[in-house]
PDB file of N, CA and C in Angstrom:
ATOM      1  N   MET A   1    -189.710-249.941  59.515  1.00  0.00           N
ATOM      2  CA  MET A   1    -190.339-249.412  60.707  1.00  0.00           C
ATOM      3  C   MET A   1    -190.284-247.884  60.651  1.00  0.00           C
ATOM      4  N   PRO A   2    -191.423-247.191  60.858  1.00  0.00           N
ATOM      5  CA  PRO A   2    -191.448-245.731  60.825  1.00  0.00           C
ATOM      6  C   PRO A   2    -190.531-245.123  61.882  1.00  0.00           C
ATOM      7  N   LYS A   3    -189.965-243.995  61.546  1.00  0.00           N
ATOM      8  CA  LYS A   3    -189.087-243.252  62.453  1.00  0.00           C
ATOM      9  C   LYS A   3    -189.737-241.928  62.826  1.00  0.00           C
ATOM     10  N   THR A   4    -189.308-241.377  63.950  1.00  0.00           N
ATOM     11  CA  THR A   4    -189.797-240.086  64.418  1.00  0.00           C
ATOM     12  C   THR A   4    -188.674-239.077  64.345  1.00  0.00           C
ATOM     13  N   VAL A   5    -188.982-237.874  63.868  1.00  0.00           N
ATOM     14  CA  VAL A   5    -188.019-236.783  63.791  1.00  0.00           C
ATOM     15  C   VAL A   5    -188.588-235.606  64.573  1.00  0.00           C
ATOM     16  N   GLN A   6    -187.751-234.984  65.360  1.00  0.00           N
ATOM     17  CA  GLN A   6    -188.187-233.805  66.114  1.00  0.00           C
ATOM     18  C   GLN A   6    -187.362-232.614  65.645  1.00  0.00           C
ATOM     19  N   ILE A   7    -188.040-231.510  65.368  1.00  0.00           N
ATOM     20  CA  ILE A   7    -187.360-230.287  64.943  1.00  0.00           C
ATOM     21  C   ILE A   7    -187.485-229.272  66.071  1.00  0.00           C
ATOM     22  N   ARG A   8    -186.353-228.808  66.552  1.00  0.00           N
ATOM     23  CA  ARG A   8    -186.355-227.835  67.654  1.00  0.00           C
ATOM     24  C   ARG A   8    -186.041-226.442  67.126  1.00  0.00           C
ATOM     25  N   ASP A   9    -186.439-225.459  67.897  1.00  0.00           N
ATOM     26  CA  ASP A   9    -186.075-224.053  67.675  1.00  0.00           C
ATOM     27  C   ASP A   9    -186.552-223.495  66.341  1.00  0.00           C
ATOM     28  N   LEU A  10    -187.761-223.859  65.915  1.00  0.00           N
ATOM     29  CA  LEU A  10    -188.345-223.231  64.734  1.00  0.00           C
ATOM     30  C   LEU A  10    -188.744-221.807  65.084  1.00  0.00           C
ATOM     31  N   ASP A  11    -188.475-220.887  64.178  1.00  0.00           N
ATOM     32  CA  ASP A  11    -188.928-219.509  64.384  1.00  0.00           C
ATOM     33  C   ASP A  11    -190.447-219.476  64.398  1.00  0.00           C
ATOM     34  N   ASP A  12    -191.010-218.552  65.168  1.00  0.00           N
ATOM     35  CA  ASP A  12    -192.468-218.424  65.245  1.00  0.00           C
ATOM     36  C   ASP A  12    -193.077-218.195  63.862  1.00  0.00           C
ATOM     37  N   GLU A  13    -192.400-217.384  63.033  1.00  0.00           N
ATOM     38  CA  GLU A  13    -192.922-217.084  61.699  1.00  0.00           C
ATOM     39  C   GLU A  13    -192.950-218.335  60.830  1.00  0.00           C
ATOM     40  N   VAL A  14    -191.930-219.171  60.959  1.00  0.00           N
ATOM     41  CA  VAL A  14    -191.868-220.403  60.175  1.00  0.00           C
ATOM     42  C   VAL A  14    -192.995-221.336  60.600  1.00  0.00           C
ATOM     43  N   TYR A  15    -193.181-221.493  61.904  1.00  0.00           N
ATOM     44  CA  TYR A  15    -194.234-222.386  62.378  1.00  0.00           C
ATOM     45  C   TYR A  15    -195.611-221.867  61.959  1.00  0.00           C
ATOM     46  N   ALA A  16    -195.813-220.556  62.058  1.00  0.00           N
ATOM     47  CA  ALA A  16    -197.100-219.969  61.657  1.00  0.00           C
ATOM     48  C   ALA A  16    -197.352-220.223  60.168  1.00  0.00           C
ATOM     49  N   ALA A  17    -196.303-220.114  59.346  1.00  0.00           N
ATOM     50  CA  ALA A  17    -196.450-220.375  57.911  1.00  0.00           C
ATOM     51  C   ALA A  17    -196.798-221.843  57.667  1.00  0.00           C
ATOM     52  N   LEU A  18    -196.189-222.750  58.429  1.00  0.00           N
ATOM     53  CA  LEU A  18    -196.504-224.174  58.295  1.00  0.00           C
ATOM     54  C   LEU A  18    -197.954-224.446  58.681  1.00  0.00           C
ATOM     55  N   VAL A  19    -198.415-223.811  59.742  1.00  0.00           N
ATOM     56  CA  VAL A  19    -199.805-223.978  60.184  1.00  0.00           C
ATOM     57  C   VAL A  19    -200.754-223.478  59.099  1.00  0.00           C
ATOM     58  N   ARG A  20    -200.446-222.300  58.528  1.00  0.00           N
ATOM     59  CA  ARG A  20    -201.293-221.751  57.460  1.00  0.00           C
ATOM     60  C   ARG A  20    -201.332-222.692  56.254  1.00  0.00           C
ATOM     61  N   ARG A  21    -200.165-223.171  55.836  1.00  0.00           N
ATOM     62  CA  ARG A  21    -200.087-224.046  54.659  1.00  0.00           C
ATOM     63  C   ARG A  21    -200.855-225.335  54.912  1.00  0.00           C
ATOM     64  N   ALA A  22    -200.666-225.925  56.072  1.00  0.00           N
ATOM     65  CA  ALA A  22    -201.363-227.168  56.395  1.00  0.00           C
ATOM     66  C   ALA A  22    -202.875-226.938  56.422  1.00  0.00           C
ATOM     67  N   SER A  23    -203.274-225.820  56.995  1.00  0.00           N
ATOM     68  CA  SER A  23    -204.694-225.492  57.072  1.00  0.00           C
ATOM     69  C   SER A  23    -205.294-225.322  55.671  1.00  0.00           C
ATOM     70  N   GLN A  24    -204.567-224.650  54.785  1.00  0.00           N
ATOM     71  CA  GLN A  24    -205.050-224.455  53.412  1.00  0.00           C
ATOM     72  C   GLN A  24    -205.243-225.792  52.709  1.00  0.00           C
ATOM     73  N   GLU A  25    -204.391-226.747  53.011  1.00  0.00           N
ATOM     74  CA  GLU A  25    -204.467-228.052  52.358  1.00  0.00           C
ATOM     75  C   GLU A  25    -205.302-229.050  53.159  1.00  0.00           C
ATOM     76  N   GLU A  26    -205.863-228.561  54.276  1.00  0.00           N
ATOM     77  CA  GLU A  26    -206.730-229.361  55.145  1.00  0.00           C
ATOM     78  C   GLU A  26    -206.038-230.621  55.642  1.00  0.00           C
ATOM     79  N   ILE A  27    -204.778-230.451  56.068  1.00  0.00           N
ATOM     80  CA  ILE A  27    -204.018-231.537  56.678  1.00  0.00           C
ATOM     81  C   ILE A  27    -203.337-230.982  57.928  1.00  0.00           C
ATOM     82  N   SER A  28    -202.768-231.855  58.734  1.00  0.00           N
ATOM     83  CA  SER A  28    -202.064-231.420  59.940  1.00  0.00           C
ATOM     84  C   SER A  28    -200.635-230.994  59.586  1.00  0.00           C
ATOM     85  N   VAL A  29    -200.016-230.247  60.487  1.00  0.00           N
ATOM     86  CA  VAL A  29    -198.621-229.847  60.280  1.00  0.00           C
ATOM     87  C   VAL A  29    -197.717-231.086  60.175  1.00  0.00           C
ATOM     88  N   PRO A  30    -197.866-232.085  61.061  1.00  0.00           N
ATOM     89  CA  PRO A  30    -197.025-233.281  60.889  1.00  0.00           C
ATOM     90  C   PRO A  30    -197.218-233.961  59.535  1.00  0.00           C
ATOM     91  N   GLU A  31    -198.446-234.017  59.031  1.00  0.00           N
ATOM     92  CA  GLU A  31    -198.683-234.624  57.724  1.00  0.00           C
ATOM     93  C   GLU A  31    -198.025-233.804  56.620  1.00  0.00           C
ATOM     94  N   LEU A  32    -198.107-232.486  56.706  1.00  0.00           N
ATOM     95  CA  LEU A  32    -197.444-231.617  55.735  1.00  0.00           C
ATOM     96  C   LEU A  32    -195.941-231.864  55.736  1.00  0.00           C
ATOM     97  N   LEU A  33    -195.354-231.916  56.926  1.00  0.00           N
ATOM     98  CA  LEU A  33    -193.911-232.137  57.029  1.00  0.00           C
ATOM     99  C   LEU A  33    -193.519-233.535  56.573  1.00  0.00           C
ATOM    100  N   ARG A  34    -194.344-234.532  56.840  1.00  0.00           N
ATOM    101  CA  ARG A  34    -194.078-235.899  56.390  1.00  0.00           C
ATOM    102  C   ARG A  34    -194.049-235.941  54.859  1.00  0.00           C
ATOM    103  N   ARG A  35    -195.037-235.294  54.243  1.00  0.00           N
ATOM    104  CA  ARG A  35    -195.110-235.258  52.784  1.00  0.00           C
ATOM    105  C   ARG A  35    -193.903-234.536  52.184  1.00  0.00           C
ATOM    106  N   GLU A  36    -193.564-233.364  52.760  1.00  0.00           N
ATOM    107  CA  GLU A  36    -192.440-232.588  52.238  1.00  0.00           C
ATOM    108  C   GLU A  36    -191.108-233.294  52.464  1.00  0.00           C
ATOM    109  N   ALA A  37    -190.969-234.014  53.580  1.00  0.00           N
ATOM    110  CA  ALA A  37    -189.742-234.780  53.836  1.00  0.00           C
ATOM    111  C   ALA A  37    -189.595-235.878  52.783  1.00  0.00           C
ATOM    112  N   GLY A  38    -190.698-236.503  52.399  1.00  0.00           N
ATOM    113  CA  GLY A  38    -190.660-237.518  51.348  1.00  0.00           C
ATOM    114  C   GLY A  38    -190.226-236.937  50.017  1.00  0.00           C
ATOM    115  N   ARG A  39    -190.741-235.762  49.695  1.00  0.00           N
ATOM    116  CA  ARG A  39    -190.342-235.095  48.445  1.00  0.00           C
ATOM    117  C   ARG A  39    -188.859-234.746  48.472  1.00  0.00           C
ATOM    118  N   LEU A  40    -188.405-234.221  49.587  1.00  0.00           N
ATOM    119  CA  LEU A  40    -186.998-233.850  49.728  1.00  0.00           C
ATOM    120  C   LEU A  40    -186.094-235.073  49.587  1.00  0.00           C
ATOM    121  N   ALA A  41    -186.491-236.178  50.194  1.00  0.00           N
ATOM    122  CA  ALA A  41    -185.683-237.397  50.143  1.00  0.00           C
ATOM    123  C   ALA A  41    -185.602-237.973  48.728  1.00  0.00           C
ATOM    124  N   ARG A  42    -186.644-237.768  47.926  1.00  0.00           N
ATOM    125  CA  ARG A  42    -186.643-238.299  46.557  1.00  0.00           C
ATOM    126  C   ARG A  42    -185.863-237.430  45.576  1.00  0.00           C
ATOM    127  N   ARG A  43    -185.662-236.165  45.918  1.00  0.00           N
ATOM    128  CA  ARG A  43    -184.930-235.262  45.020  1.00  0.00           C
ATOM    129  C   ARG A  43    -183.442-235.566  45.045  1.00  0.00           C
ATOM    130  N   PRO A  44    -182.769-235.447  43.899  1.00  0.00           N
ATOM    131  CA  PRO A  44    -181.312-235.638  43.921  1.00  0.00           C
ATOM    132  C   PRO A  44    -180.644-234.456  44.622  1.00  0.00           C
ATOM    133  N   SER A  45    -179.488-234.701  45.184  1.00  0.00           N
ATOM    134  CA  SER A  45    -178.733-233.593  45.775  1.00  0.00           C
ATOM    135  C   SER A  45    -178.272-232.677  44.648  1.00  0.00           C
ATOM    136  N   LEU A  46    -177.865-231.480  44.981  1.00  0.00           N
ATOM    137  CA  LEU A  46    -177.379-230.544  43.977  1.00  0.00           C
ATOM    138  C   LEU A  46    -176.176-231.134  43.245  1.00  0.00           C
ATOM    139  N   GLY A  47    -175.267-231.762  43.989  1.00  0.00           N
ATOM    140  CA  GLY A  47    -174.093-232.379  43.378  1.00  0.00           C
ATOM    141  C   GLY A  47    -174.465-233.486  42.407  1.00  0.00           C
ATOM    142  N   ASP A  48    -175.424-234.341  42.793  1.00  0.00           N
ATOM    143  CA  ASP A  48    -175.876-235.422  41.907  1.00  0.00           C
ATOM    144  C   ASP A  48    -176.527-234.859  40.646  1.00  0.00           C
ATOM    145  N   TRP A  49    -177.349-233.830  40.821  1.00  0.00           N
ATOM    146  CA  TRP A  49    -178.031-233.218  39.685  1.00  0.00           C
ATOM    147  C   TRP A  49    -177.016-232.598  38.726  1.00  0.00           C
ATOM    148  N   LEU A  50    -176.047-231.866  39.266  1.00  0.00           N
ATOM    149  CA  LEU A  50    -175.025-231.259  38.412  1.00  0.00           C
ATOM    150  C   LEU A  50    -174.219-232.321  37.674  1.00  0.00           C
ATOM    151  N   ALA A  51    -173.848-233.384  38.364  1.00  0.00           N
ATOM    152  CA  ALA A  51    -173.089-234.455  37.726  1.00  0.00           C
ATOM    153  C   ALA A  51    -173.893-235.081  36.587  1.00  0.00           C
ATOM    154  N   ARG A  52    -175.176-235.270  36.816  1.00  0.00           N
ATOM    155  CA  ARG A  52    -176.025-235.881  35.791  1.00  0.00           C
ATOM    156  C   ARG A  52    -176.200-234.943  34.598  1.00  0.00           C
ATOM    157  N   THR A  53    -176.389-233.651  34.838  1.00  0.00           N
ATOM    158  CA  THR A  53    -176.612-232.729  33.725  1.00  0.00           C
ATOM    159  C   THR A  53    -175.320-232.457  32.958  1.00  0.00           C
ATOM    160  N   ARG A  54    -174.191-232.557  33.597  1.00  0.00           N
ATOM    161  CA  ARG A  54    -172.913-232.365  32.891  1.00  0.00           C
ATOM    162  C   ARG A  54    -172.626-233.502  31.925  1.00  0.00           C
ATOM    163  N   ARG A  55    -173.198-234.659  32.164  1.00  0.00           N
ATOM    164  CA  ARG A  55    -172.974-235.815  31.292  1.00  0.00           C
ATOM    165  C   ARG A  55    -173.781-235.730  29.998  1.00  0.00           C
ATOM    166  N   ARG A  56    -174.780-234.872  29.957  1.00  0.00           N
ATOM    167  CA  ARG A  56    -175.624-234.782  28.768  1.00  0.00           C
ATOM    168  C   ARG A  56    -174.848-234.130  27.627  1.00  0.00           C
ATOM    169  N   PRO A  57    -174.869-234.758  26.470  1.00  0.00           N
ATOM    170  CA  PRO A  57    -174.169-234.154  25.341  1.00  0.00           C
ATOM    171  C   PRO A  57    -174.916-232.913  24.851  1.00  0.00           C
ATOM    172  N   THR A  58    -174.173-231.912  24.450  1.00  0.00           N
ATOM    173  CA  THR A  58    -174.796-230.705  23.930  1.00  0.00           C
ATOM    174  C   THR A  58    -173.972-230.180  22.765  1.00  0.00           C
ATOM    175  N   SER A  59    -174.660-229.623  21.816  1.00  0.00           N
ATOM    176  CA  SER A  59    -173.957-229.051  20.675  1.00  0.00           C
ATOM    177  C   SER A  59    -174.074-227.524  20.695  1.00  0.00           C
ATOM    178  N   ILE A  60    -174.564-226.976  21.796  1.00  0.00           N
ATOM    179  CA  ILE A  60    -174.737-225.531  21.919  1.00  0.00           C
ATOM    180  C   ILE A  60    -173.520-224.954  22.637  1.00  0.00           C
ATOM    181  N   ASP A  61    -172.948-223.907  22.055  1.00  0.00           N
ATOM    182  CA  ASP A  61    -171.819-223.278  22.741  1.00  0.00           C
ATOM    183  C   ASP A  61    -172.276-221.993  23.431  1.00  0.00           C
ATOM    184  N   SER A  62    -171.395-221.411  24.230  1.00  0.00           N
ATOM    185  CA  SER A  62    -171.757-220.225  25.015  1.00  0.00           C
ATOM    186  C   SER A  62    -172.183-219.058  24.136  1.00  0.00           C
ATOM    187  N   PHE A  63    -171.546-218.895  22.998  1.00  0.00           N
ATOM    188  CA  PHE A  63    -171.901-217.791  22.112  1.00  0.00           C
ATOM    189  C   PHE A  63    -173.361-217.884  21.699  1.00  0.00           C
ATOM    190  N   GLU A  64    -173.819-219.092  21.370  1.00  0.00           N
ATOM    191  CA  GLU A  64    -175.217-219.275  20.963  1.00  0.00           C
ATOM    192  C   GLU A  64    -176.177-218.970  22.111  1.00  0.00           C
ATOM    193  N   VAL A  65    -175.790-219.324  23.316  1.00  0.00           N
ATOM    194  CA  VAL A  65    -176.626-219.041  24.484  1.00  0.00           C
ATOM    195  C   VAL A  65    -176.740-217.539  24.689  1.00  0.00           C
ATOM    196  N   ILE A  66    -175.601-216.839  24.639  1.00  0.00           N
ATOM    197  CA  ILE A  66    -175.606-215.381  24.829  1.00  0.00           C
ATOM    198  C   ILE A  66    -176.400-214.705  23.721  1.00  0.00           C
ATOM    199  N   GLU A  67    -176.234-215.175  22.502  1.00  0.00           N
ATOM    200  CA  GLU A  67    -176.977-214.624  21.367  1.00  0.00           C
ATOM    201  C   GLU A  67    -178.488-214.798  21.568  1.00  0.00           C
ATOM    202  N   ALA A  68    -178.918-215.967  22.021  1.00  0.00           N
ATOM    203  CA  ALA A  68    -180.341-216.228  22.254  1.00  0.00           C
ATOM    204  C   ALA A  68    -180.880-215.358  23.384  1.00  0.00           C
ATOM    205  N   LEU A  69    -180.082-215.183  24.441  1.00  0.00           N
ATOM    206  CA  LEU A  69    -180.510-214.318  25.548  1.00  0.00           C
ATOM    207  C   LEU A  69    -180.641-212.871  25.092  1.00  0.00           C
ATOM    208  N   ASP A  70    -179.676-212.383  24.319  1.00  0.00           N
ATOM    209  CA  ASP A  70    -179.746-211.011  23.801  1.00  0.00           C
ATOM    210  C   ASP A  70    -180.991-210.815  22.939  1.00  0.00           C
ATOM    211  N   GLU A  71    -181.280-211.819  22.115  1.00  0.00           N
ATOM    212  CA  GLU A  71    -182.459-211.734  21.256  1.00  0.00           C
ATOM    213  C   GLU A  71    -183.745-211.703  22.093  1.00  0.00           C
ATOM    214  N   ALA A  72    -183.801-212.523  23.120  1.00  0.00           N
ATOM    215  CA  ALA A  72    -185.002-212.575  23.971  1.00  0.00           C
ATOM    216  C   ALA A  72    -185.169-211.293  24.781  1.00  0.00           C
ATOM    217  N   ARG A  73    -184.069-210.695  25.214  1.00  0.00           N
ATOM    218  CA  ARG A  73    -184.134-209.485  26.039  1.00  0.00           C
ATOM    219  C   ARG A  73    -184.462-208.249  25.219  1.00  0.00           C
ATOM    220  N   GLY A  74    -184.126-208.239  23.940  1.00  0.00           N
ATOM    221  CA  GLY A  74    -184.364-207.079  23.109  1.00  0.00           C
ATOM    222  C   GLY A  74    -183.175-206.139  23.136  1.00  0.00           C
ATOM    223  N   ALA A  75    -183.357-205.004  22.465  1.00  0.00           N
ATOM    224  CA  ALA A  75    -182.275-204.026  22.340  1.00  0.00           C
ATOM    225  C   ALA A  75    -181.962-203.388  23.681  1.00  0.00           C
ATOM    226  N   TRP A  76    -180.691-203.049  23.861  1.00  0.00           N
ATOM    227  CA  TRP A  76    -180.274-202.353  25.081  1.00  0.00           C
ATOM    228  C   TRP A  76    -180.785-200.916  25.006  1.00  0.00           C
ATOM    229  N   PRO A  77    -181.254-200.362  26.127  1.00  0.00           N
ATOM    230  CA  PRO A  77    -181.713-198.982  26.116  1.00  0.00           C
ATOM    231  C   PRO A  77    -180.522-198.029  25.969  1.00  0.00           C
ATOM    232  N   ASP A  78    -180.761-196.910  25.336  1.00  0.00           N
ATOM    233  CA  ASP A  78    -179.725-195.877  25.211  1.00  0.00           C
ATOM    234  C   ASP A  78    -179.676-195.110  26.517  1.00  0.00           C
ATOM    235  N   VAL A  79    -178.677-195.362  27.316  1.00  0.00           N
ATOM    236  CA  VAL A  79    -178.545-194.732  28.634  1.00  0.00           C
ATOM    237  C   VAL A  79    -177.695-193.475  28.485  1.00  0.00           C
ATOM    238  N   GLY A  80    -178.177-192.368  29.032  1.00  0.00           N
ATOM    239  CA  GLY A  80    -177.400-191.126  29.055  1.00  0.00           C
ATOM    240  C   GLY A  80    -177.445-190.326  27.796  1.00  0.00           C
ATOM    241  N   ARG A  81    -178.323-190.653  26.881  1.00  0.00           N
ATOM    242  CA  ARG A  81    -178.394-189.881  25.641  1.00  0.00           C
ATOM    243  C   ARG A  81    -179.600-189.014  25.632  1.00  0.00           C
TER     244      ARG A  81
END
């Protein structure tokens, strides 16, 4: 059975942004919120996501990560010379 949720005390700017977004997508604000609530409910919590990603085996150590980041960023600029 469908449920109803009421959100109180939304800032004017937040509501205006919701109206704009819904208008751009040619849907109502309640439909936009219904869709986004469904997406939110399907996403894992941060704790669940972290637990799942920590279980993945990896053969990369921190040194390799730092080395790859340094390579991607390029040489450090000579500051003060």
